[in-house]
Amino acid sequence: DLAPWADAIRKVAKEMEVPLVDLHARSVA
């Protein structure tokens, strides 16, 4: 249920060139 919020954070990180810790993807798997 948190996938859309994770996607929003990924988008902000990409647009602003911020390092991303993708805990959501890792924890989901």
PDB file of all heavy atoms in Angstrom:
ATOM      1  N   ASP A   1       0.798  -1.226   0.000  1.00  0.00           N
ATOM      2  CA  ASP A   1       0.000   0.000   0.000  1.00  0.00           C
ATOM      3  C   ASP A   1       0.826   1.269   0.000  1.00  0.00           C
ATOM      4  O   ASP A   1       0.298   2.369  -0.207  1.00  0.00           O
ATOM      5  CB  ASP A   1      -0.968   0.001   1.189  1.00  0.00           C
ATOM      6  CG  ASP A   1      -0.256   0.049   2.538  1.00  0.00           C
ATOM      7  OD1 ASP A   1       0.901  -0.421   2.618  1.00  0.00           O
ATOM      8  OD2 ASP A   1      -0.858   0.549   3.503  1.00  0.00           O
ATOM      9  N   LEU A   2       2.134   1.168   0.219  1.00  0.00           N
ATOM     10  CA  LEU A   2       2.989   2.355   0.257  1.00  0.00           C
ATOM     11  C   LEU A   2       3.716   2.616  -1.060  1.00  0.00           C
ATOM     12  O   LEU A   2       4.497   3.559  -1.161  1.00  0.00           O
ATOM     13  CB  LEU A   2       4.012   2.231   1.389  1.00  0.00           C
ATOM     14  CG  LEU A   2       3.450   2.484   2.788  1.00  0.00           C
ATOM     15  CD1 LEU A   2       4.337   1.854   3.846  1.00  0.00           C
ATOM     16  CD2 LEU A   2       3.303   3.980   3.043  1.00  0.00           C
ATOM     17  N   ALA A   3       3.449   1.809  -2.073  1.00  0.00           N
ATOM     18  CA  ALA A   3       4.142   1.955  -3.351  1.00  0.00           C
ATOM     19  C   ALA A   3       4.017   3.357  -3.954  1.00  0.00           C
ATOM     20  O   ALA A   3       5.011   3.913  -4.439  1.00  0.00           O
ATOM     21  CB  ALA A   3       3.654   0.901  -4.342  1.00  0.00           C
ATOM     22  N   PRO A   4       2.819   3.992  -3.952  1.00  0.00           N
ATOM     23  CA  PRO A   4       2.735   5.334  -4.550  1.00  0.00           C
ATOM     24  C   PRO A   4       3.601   6.371  -3.836  1.00  0.00           C
ATOM     25  O   PRO A   4       4.147   7.272  -4.482  1.00  0.00           O
ATOM     26  CB  PRO A   4       1.243   5.670  -4.432  1.00  0.00           C
ATOM     27  CG  PRO A   4       0.550   4.339  -4.342  1.00  0.00           C
ATOM     28  CD  PRO A   4       1.492   3.472  -3.568  1.00  0.00           C
ATOM     29  N   TRP A   5       3.726   6.264  -2.520  1.00  0.00           N
ATOM     30  CA  TRP A   5       4.557   7.214  -1.773  1.00  0.00           C
ATOM     31  C   TRP A   5       6.040   6.962  -2.051  1.00  0.00           C
ATOM     32  O   TRP A   5       6.814   7.909  -2.160  1.00  0.00           O
ATOM     33  CB  TRP A   5       4.233   7.117  -0.282  1.00  0.00           C
ATOM     34  CG  TRP A   5       2.954   7.836   0.038  1.00  0.00           C
ATOM     35  CD1 TRP A   5       2.826   9.120   0.509  1.00  0.00           C
ATOM     36  CD2 TRP A   5       1.626   7.351  -0.151  1.00  0.00           C
ATOM     37  NE1 TRP A   5       1.496   9.446   0.634  1.00  0.00           N
ATOM     38  CE2 TRP A   5       0.728   8.381   0.243  1.00  0.00           C
ATOM     39  CE3 TRP A   5       1.090   6.136  -0.597  1.00  0.00           C
ATOM     40  CZ2 TRP A   5      -0.651   8.230   0.200  1.00  0.00           C
ATOM     41  CZ3 TRP A   5      -0.288   5.991  -0.652  1.00  0.00           C
ATOM     42  CH2 TRP A   5      -1.139   7.023  -0.263  1.00  0.00           C
ATOM     43  N   ALA A   6       6.400   5.711  -2.209  1.00  0.00           N
ATOM     44  CA  ALA A   6       7.777   5.393  -2.589  1.00  0.00           C
ATOM     45  C   ALA A   6       8.090   5.948  -3.970  1.00  0.00           C
ATOM     46  O   ALA A   6       9.166   6.517  -4.197  1.00  0.00           O
ATOM     47  CB  ALA A   6       7.998   3.881  -2.544  1.00  0.00           C
ATOM     48  N   ASP A   7       7.154   5.813  -4.896  1.00  0.00           N
ATOM     49  CA  ASP A   7       7.357   6.342  -6.249  1.00  0.00           C
ATOM     50  C   ASP A   7       7.527   7.861  -6.225  1.00  0.00           C
ATOM     51  O   ASP A   7       8.361   8.415  -6.957  1.00  0.00           O
ATOM     52  CB  ASP A   7       6.173   5.977  -7.143  1.00  0.00           C
ATOM     53  CG  ASP A   7       6.175   4.508  -7.560  1.00  0.00           C
ATOM     54  OD1 ASP A   7       7.252   3.872  -7.486  1.00  0.00           O
ATOM     55  OD2 ASP A   7       5.099   4.007  -7.952  1.00  0.00           O
ATOM     56  N   ALA A   8       6.744   8.539  -5.393  1.00  0.00           N
ATOM     57  CA  ALA A   8       6.849   9.999  -5.304  1.00  0.00           C
ATOM     58  C   ALA A   8       8.226  10.414  -4.800  1.00  0.00           C
ATOM     59  O   ALA A   8       8.817  11.389  -5.294  1.00  0.00           O
ATOM     60  CB  ALA A   8       5.754  10.544  -4.386  1.00  0.00           C
ATOM     61  N   ILE A   9       8.759   9.684  -3.836  1.00  0.00           N
ATOM     62  CA  ILE A   9      10.085  10.005  -3.300  1.00  0.00           C
ATOM     63  C   ILE A   9      11.167   9.727  -4.337  1.00  0.00           C
ATOM     64  O   ILE A   9      12.116  10.508  -4.493  1.00  0.00           O
ATOM     65  CB  ILE A   9      10.333   9.217  -2.005  1.00  0.00           C
ATOM     66  CG1 ILE A   9       9.386   9.706  -0.903  1.00  0.00           C
ATOM     67  CG2 ILE A   9      11.787   9.362  -1.553  1.00  0.00           C
ATOM     68  CD1 ILE A   9       9.404   8.865   0.342  1.00  0.00           C
ATOM     69  N   ARG A  10      11.037   8.641  -5.057  1.00  0.00           N
ATOM     70  CA  ARG A  10      12.011   8.338  -6.115  1.00  0.00           C
ATOM     71  C   ARG A  10      12.036   9.465  -7.151  1.00  0.00           C
ATOM     72  O   ARG A  10      13.107   9.853  -7.647  1.00  0.00           O
ATOM     73  CB  ARG A  10      11.660   7.016  -6.787  1.00  0.00           C
ATOM     74  CG  ARG A  10      11.822   5.794  -5.908  1.00  0.00           C
ATOM     75  CD  ARG A  10      11.567   4.506  -6.689  1.00  0.00           C
ATOM     76  NE  ARG A  10      11.492   3.356  -5.803  1.00  0.00           N
ATOM     77  CZ  ARG A  10      10.375   2.709  -5.495  1.00  0.00           C
ATOM     78  NH1 ARG A  10       9.215   3.083  -6.043  1.00  0.00           N
ATOM     79  NH2 ARG A  10      10.394   1.679  -4.672  1.00  0.00           N
ATOM     80  N   LYS A  11      10.868   9.968  -7.496  1.00  0.00           N
ATOM     81  CA  LYS A  11      10.784  11.042  -8.492  1.00  0.00           C
ATOM     82  C   LYS A  11      11.463  12.308  -7.994  1.00  0.00           C
ATOM     83  O   LYS A  11      12.227  12.954  -8.735  1.00  0.00           O
ATOM     84  CB  LYS A  11       9.314  11.320  -8.827  1.00  0.00           C
ATOM     85  CG  LYS A  11       9.136  12.346  -9.927  1.00  0.00           C
ATOM     86  CD  LYS A  11       7.658  12.527 -10.267  1.00  0.00           C
ATOM     87  CE  LYS A  11       7.486  13.575 -11.373  1.00  0.00           C
ATOM     88  NZ  LYS A  11       6.044  13.785 -11.710  1.00  0.00           N
ATOM     89  N   VAL A  12      11.229  12.678  -6.734  1.00  0.00           N
ATOM     90  CA  VAL A  12      11.868  13.867  -6.166  1.00  0.00           C
ATOM     91  C   VAL A  12      13.388  13.682  -6.130  1.00  0.00           C
ATOM     92  O   VAL A  12      14.153  14.599  -6.474  1.00  0.00           O
ATOM     93  CB  VAL A  12      11.328  14.156  -4.752  1.00  0.00           C
ATOM     94  CG1 VAL A  12      12.140  15.248  -4.066  1.00  0.00           C
ATOM     95  CG2 VAL A  12       9.862  14.558  -4.820  1.00  0.00           C
ATOM     96  N   ALA A  13      13.838  12.510  -5.724  1.00  0.00           N
ATOM     97  CA  ALA A  13      15.276  12.248  -5.657  1.00  0.00           C
ATOM     98  C   ALA A  13      15.921  12.385  -7.034  1.00  0.00           C
ATOM     99  O   ALA A  13      17.011  12.965  -7.167  1.00  0.00           O
ATOM    100  CB  ALA A  13      15.527  10.855  -5.094  1.00  0.00           C
ATOM    101  N   LYS A  14      15.253  11.881  -8.052  1.00  0.00           N
ATOM    102  CA  LYS A  14      15.798  11.966  -9.410  1.00  0.00           C
ATOM    103  C   LYS A  14      15.822  13.407  -9.900  1.00  0.00           C
ATOM    104  O   LYS A  14      16.830  13.870 -10.457  1.00  0.00           O
ATOM    105  CB  LYS A  14      14.979  11.090 -10.357  1.00  0.00           C
ATOM    106  CG  LYS A  14      15.526  11.043 -11.769  1.00  0.00           C
ATOM    107  CD  LYS A  14      14.723  10.087 -12.642  1.00  0.00           C
ATOM    108  CE  LYS A  14      15.298  10.024 -14.053  1.00  0.00           C
ATOM    109  NZ  LYS A  14      14.520   9.085 -14.915  1.00  0.00           N
ATOM    110  N   GLU A  15      14.726  14.127  -9.700  1.00  0.00           N
ATOM    111  CA  GLU A  15      14.636  15.506 -10.186  1.00  0.00           C
ATOM    112  C   GLU A  15      15.641  16.425  -9.499  1.00  0.00           C
ATOM    113  O   GLU A  15      16.203  17.322 -10.134  1.00  0.00           O
ATOM    114  CB  GLU A  15      13.222  16.043  -9.955  1.00  0.00           C
ATOM    115  CG  GLU A  15      12.156  15.402 -10.830  1.00  0.00           C
ATOM    116  CD  GLU A  15      10.756  15.855 -10.453  1.00  0.00           C
ATOM    117  OE1 GLU A  15      10.591  16.515  -9.395  1.00  0.00           O
ATOM    118  OE2 GLU A  15       9.819  15.539 -11.206  1.00  0.00           O
ATOM    119  N   MET A  16      15.880  16.192  -8.208  1.00  0.00           N
ATOM    120  CA  MET A  16      16.745  17.087  -7.446  1.00  0.00           C
ATOM    121  C   MET A  16      18.162  16.522  -7.274  1.00  0.00           C
ATOM    122  O   MET A  16      18.978  17.098  -6.564  1.00  0.00           O
ATOM    123  CB  MET A  16      16.114  17.378  -6.086  1.00  0.00           C
ATOM    124  CG  MET A  16      14.732  18.006  -6.179  1.00  0.00           C
ATOM    125  SD  MET A  16      14.096  18.579  -4.580  1.00  0.00           S
ATOM    126  CE  MET A  16      15.086  20.062  -4.325  1.00  0.00           C
ATOM    127  N   GLU A  17      18.434  15.403  -7.922  1.00  0.00           N
ATOM    128  CA  GLU A  17      19.758  14.768  -7.873  1.00  0.00           C
ATOM    129  C   GLU A  17      20.200  14.526  -6.427  1.00  0.00           C
ATOM    130  O   GLU A  17      21.269  14.944  -5.991  1.00  0.00           O
ATOM    131  CB  GLU A  17      20.785  15.616  -8.627  1.00  0.00           C
ATOM    132  CG  GLU A  17      20.451  15.777 -10.106  1.00  0.00           C
ATOM    133  CD  GLU A  17      21.497  16.573 -10.862  1.00  0.00           C
ATOM    134  OE1 GLU A  17      22.278  17.298 -10.225  1.00  0.00           O
ATOM    135  OE2 GLU A  17      21.527  16.469 -12.099  1.00  0.00           O
ATOM    136  N   VAL A  18      19.333  13.824  -5.698  1.00  0.00           N
ATOM    137  CA  VAL A  18      19.576  13.491  -4.298  1.00  0.00           C
ATOM    138  C   VAL A  18      19.862  11.993  -4.196  1.00  0.00           C
ATOM    139  O   VAL A  18      19.169  11.192  -4.818  1.00  0.00           O
ATOM    140  CB  VAL A  18      18.338  13.830  -3.437  1.00  0.00           C
ATOM    141  CG1 VAL A  18      18.567  13.473  -1.976  1.00  0.00           C
ATOM    142  CG2 VAL A  18      17.986  15.304  -3.580  1.00  0.00           C
ATOM    143  N   PRO A  19      20.865  11.579  -3.412  1.00  0.00           N
ATOM    144  CA  PRO A  19      21.068  10.142  -3.185  1.00  0.00           C
ATOM    145  C   PRO A  19      19.802   9.502  -2.625  1.00  0.00           C
ATOM    146  O   PRO A  19      19.108  10.097  -1.799  1.00  0.00           O
ATOM    147  CB  PRO A  19      22.208  10.104  -2.165  1.00  0.00           C
ATOM    148  CG  PRO A  19      22.918  11.402  -2.333  1.00  0.00           C
ATOM    149  CD  PRO A  19      21.868  12.395  -2.716  1.00  0.00           C
ATOM    150  N   LEU A  20      19.515   8.283  -3.085  1.00  0.00           N
ATOM    151  CA  LEU A  20      18.288   7.594  -2.692  1.00  0.00           C
ATOM    152  C   LEU A  20      18.623   6.266  -2.025  1.00  0.00           C
ATOM    153  O   LEU A  20      19.362   5.456  -2.570  1.00  0.00           O
ATOM    154  CB  LEU A  20      17.409   7.339  -3.910  1.00  0.00           C
ATOM    155  CG  LEU A  20      16.113   6.571  -3.654  1.00  0.00           C
ATOM    156  CD1 LEU A  20      15.109   7.450  -2.907  1.00  0.00           C
ATOM    157  CD2 LEU A  20      15.513   6.056  -4.967  1.00  0.00           C
ATOM    158  N   VAL A  21      18.058   6.053  -0.840  1.00  0.00           N
ATOM    159  CA  VAL A  21      18.075   4.741  -0.187  1.00  0.00           C
ATOM    160  C   VAL A  21      16.703   4.132  -0.438  1.00  0.00           C
ATOM    161  O   VAL A  21      15.709   4.552   0.153  1.00  0.00           O
ATOM    162  CB  VAL A  21      18.359   4.874   1.331  1.00  0.00           C
ATOM    163  CG1 VAL A  21      18.119   3.552   2.043  1.00  0.00           C
ATOM    164  CG2 VAL A  21      19.784   5.361   1.556  1.00  0.00           C
ATOM    165  N   ASP A  22      16.651   3.169  -1.341  1.00  0.00           N
ATOM    166  CA  ASP A  22      15.353   2.604  -1.720  1.00  0.00           C
ATOM    167  C   ASP A  22      14.987   1.463  -0.774  1.00  0.00           C
ATOM    168  O   ASP A  22      14.933   0.297  -1.162  1.00  0.00           O
ATOM    169  CB  ASP A  22      15.364   2.137  -3.169  1.00  0.00           C
ATOM    170  CG  ASP A  22      13.954   2.054  -3.765  1.00  0.00           C
ATOM    171  OD1 ASP A  22      12.981   2.099  -2.973  1.00  0.00           O
ATOM    172  OD2 ASP A  22      13.821   1.951  -4.994  1.00  0.00           O
ATOM    173  N   LEU A  23      14.715   1.841   0.466  1.00  0.00           N
ATOM    174  CA  LEU A  23      14.339   0.859   1.481  1.00  0.00           C
ATOM    175  C   LEU A  23      13.038   0.167   1.115  1.00  0.00           C
ATOM    176  O   LEU A  23      12.852  -1.018   1.428  1.00  0.00           O
ATOM    177  CB  LEU A  23      14.217   1.551   2.838  1.00  0.00           C
ATOM    178  CG  LEU A  23      13.755   0.692   4.013  1.00  0.00           C
ATOM    179  CD1 LEU A  23      14.694  -0.485   4.247  1.00  0.00           C
ATOM    180  CD2 LEU A  23      13.615   1.536   5.277  1.00  0.00           C
ATOM    181  N   HIS A  24      12.146   0.868   0.457  1.00  0.00           N
ATOM    182  CA  HIS A  24      10.864   0.260   0.113  1.00  0.00           C
ATOM    183  C   HIS A  24      11.056  -0.930  -0.818  1.00  0.00           C
ATOM    184  O   HIS A  24      10.535  -2.025  -0.563  1.00  0.00           O
ATOM    185  CB  HIS A  24       9.930   1.291  -0.527  1.00  0.00           C
ATOM    186  CG  HIS A  24       8.556   0.771  -0.764  1.00  0.00           C
ATOM    187  ND1 HIS A  24       7.636   0.614   0.241  1.00  0.00           N
ATOM    188  CD2 HIS A  24       7.940   0.320  -1.886  1.00  0.00           C
ATOM    189  CE1 HIS A  24       6.516   0.117  -0.239  1.00  0.00           C
ATOM    190  NE2 HIS A  24       6.676  -0.079  -1.548  1.00  0.00           N
ATOM    191  N   ALA A  25      11.796  -0.727  -1.891  1.00  0.00           N
ATOM    192  CA  ALA A  25      12.001  -1.816  -2.847  1.00  0.00           C
ATOM    193  C   ALA A  25      12.695  -3.001  -2.197  1.00  0.00           C
ATOM    194  O   ALA A  25      12.294  -4.163  -2.397  1.00  0.00           O
ATOM    195  CB  ALA A  25      12.809  -1.311  -4.042  1.00  0.00           C
ATOM    196  N   ARG A  26      13.725  -2.728  -1.392  1.00  0.00           N
ATOM    197  CA  ARG A  26      14.466  -3.804  -0.747  1.00  0.00           C
ATOM    198  C   ARG A  26      13.603  -4.536   0.266  1.00  0.00           C
ATOM    199  O   ARG A  26      13.620  -5.768   0.360  1.00  0.00           O
ATOM    200  CB  ARG A  26      15.720  -3.247  -0.062  1.00  0.00           C
ATOM    201  CG  ARG A  26      16.830  -2.800  -1.000  1.00  0.00           C
ATOM    202  CD  ARG A  26      17.640  -3.961  -1.560  1.00  0.00           C
ATOM    203  NE  ARG A  26      18.318  -4.726  -0.521  1.00  0.00           N
ATOM    204  CZ  ARG A  26      19.568  -4.458  -0.100  1.00  0.00           C
ATOM    205  NH1 ARG A  26      20.247  -3.434  -0.611  1.00  0.00           N
ATOM    206  NH2 ARG A  26      20.140  -5.208   0.819  1.00  0.00           N
ATOM    207  N   SER A  27      12.839  -3.789   1.062  1.00  0.00           N
ATOM    208  CA  SER A  27      12.028  -4.432   2.098  1.00  0.00           C
ATOM    209  C   SER A  27      10.845  -5.190   1.505  1.00  0.00           C
ATOM    210  O   SER A  27      10.468  -6.253   2.010  1.00  0.00           O
ATOM    211  CB  SER A  27      11.558  -3.399   3.129  1.00  0.00           C
ATOM    212  OG  SER A  27      10.752  -2.394   2.535  1.00  0.00           O
ATOM    213  N   VAL A  28      10.265  -4.682   0.428  1.00  0.00           N
ATOM    214  CA  VAL A  28       9.178  -5.393  -0.242  1.00  0.00           C
ATOM    215  C   VAL A  28       9.667  -6.752  -0.739  1.00  0.00           C
ATOM    216  O   VAL A  28       9.023  -7.793  -0.533  1.00  0.00           O
ATOM    217  CB  VAL A  28       8.610  -4.563  -1.410  1.00  0.00           C
ATOM    218  CG1 VAL A  28       7.795  -5.439  -2.360  1.00  0.00           C
ATOM    219  CG2 VAL A  28       7.741  -3.428  -0.889  1.00  0.00           C
ATOM    220  N   ALA A  29      10.811  -6.761  -1.407  1.00  0.00           N
ATOM    221  CA  ALA A  29      11.349  -8.015  -1.940  1.00  0.00           C
ATOM    222  C   ALA A  29      11.649  -9.005  -0.820  1.00  0.00           C
ATOM    223  O   ALA A  29      11.345 -10.202  -0.930  1.00  0.00           O
ATOM    224  CB  ALA A  29      12.609  -7.733  -2.756  1.00  0.00           C
TER     225      ALA A  29
END
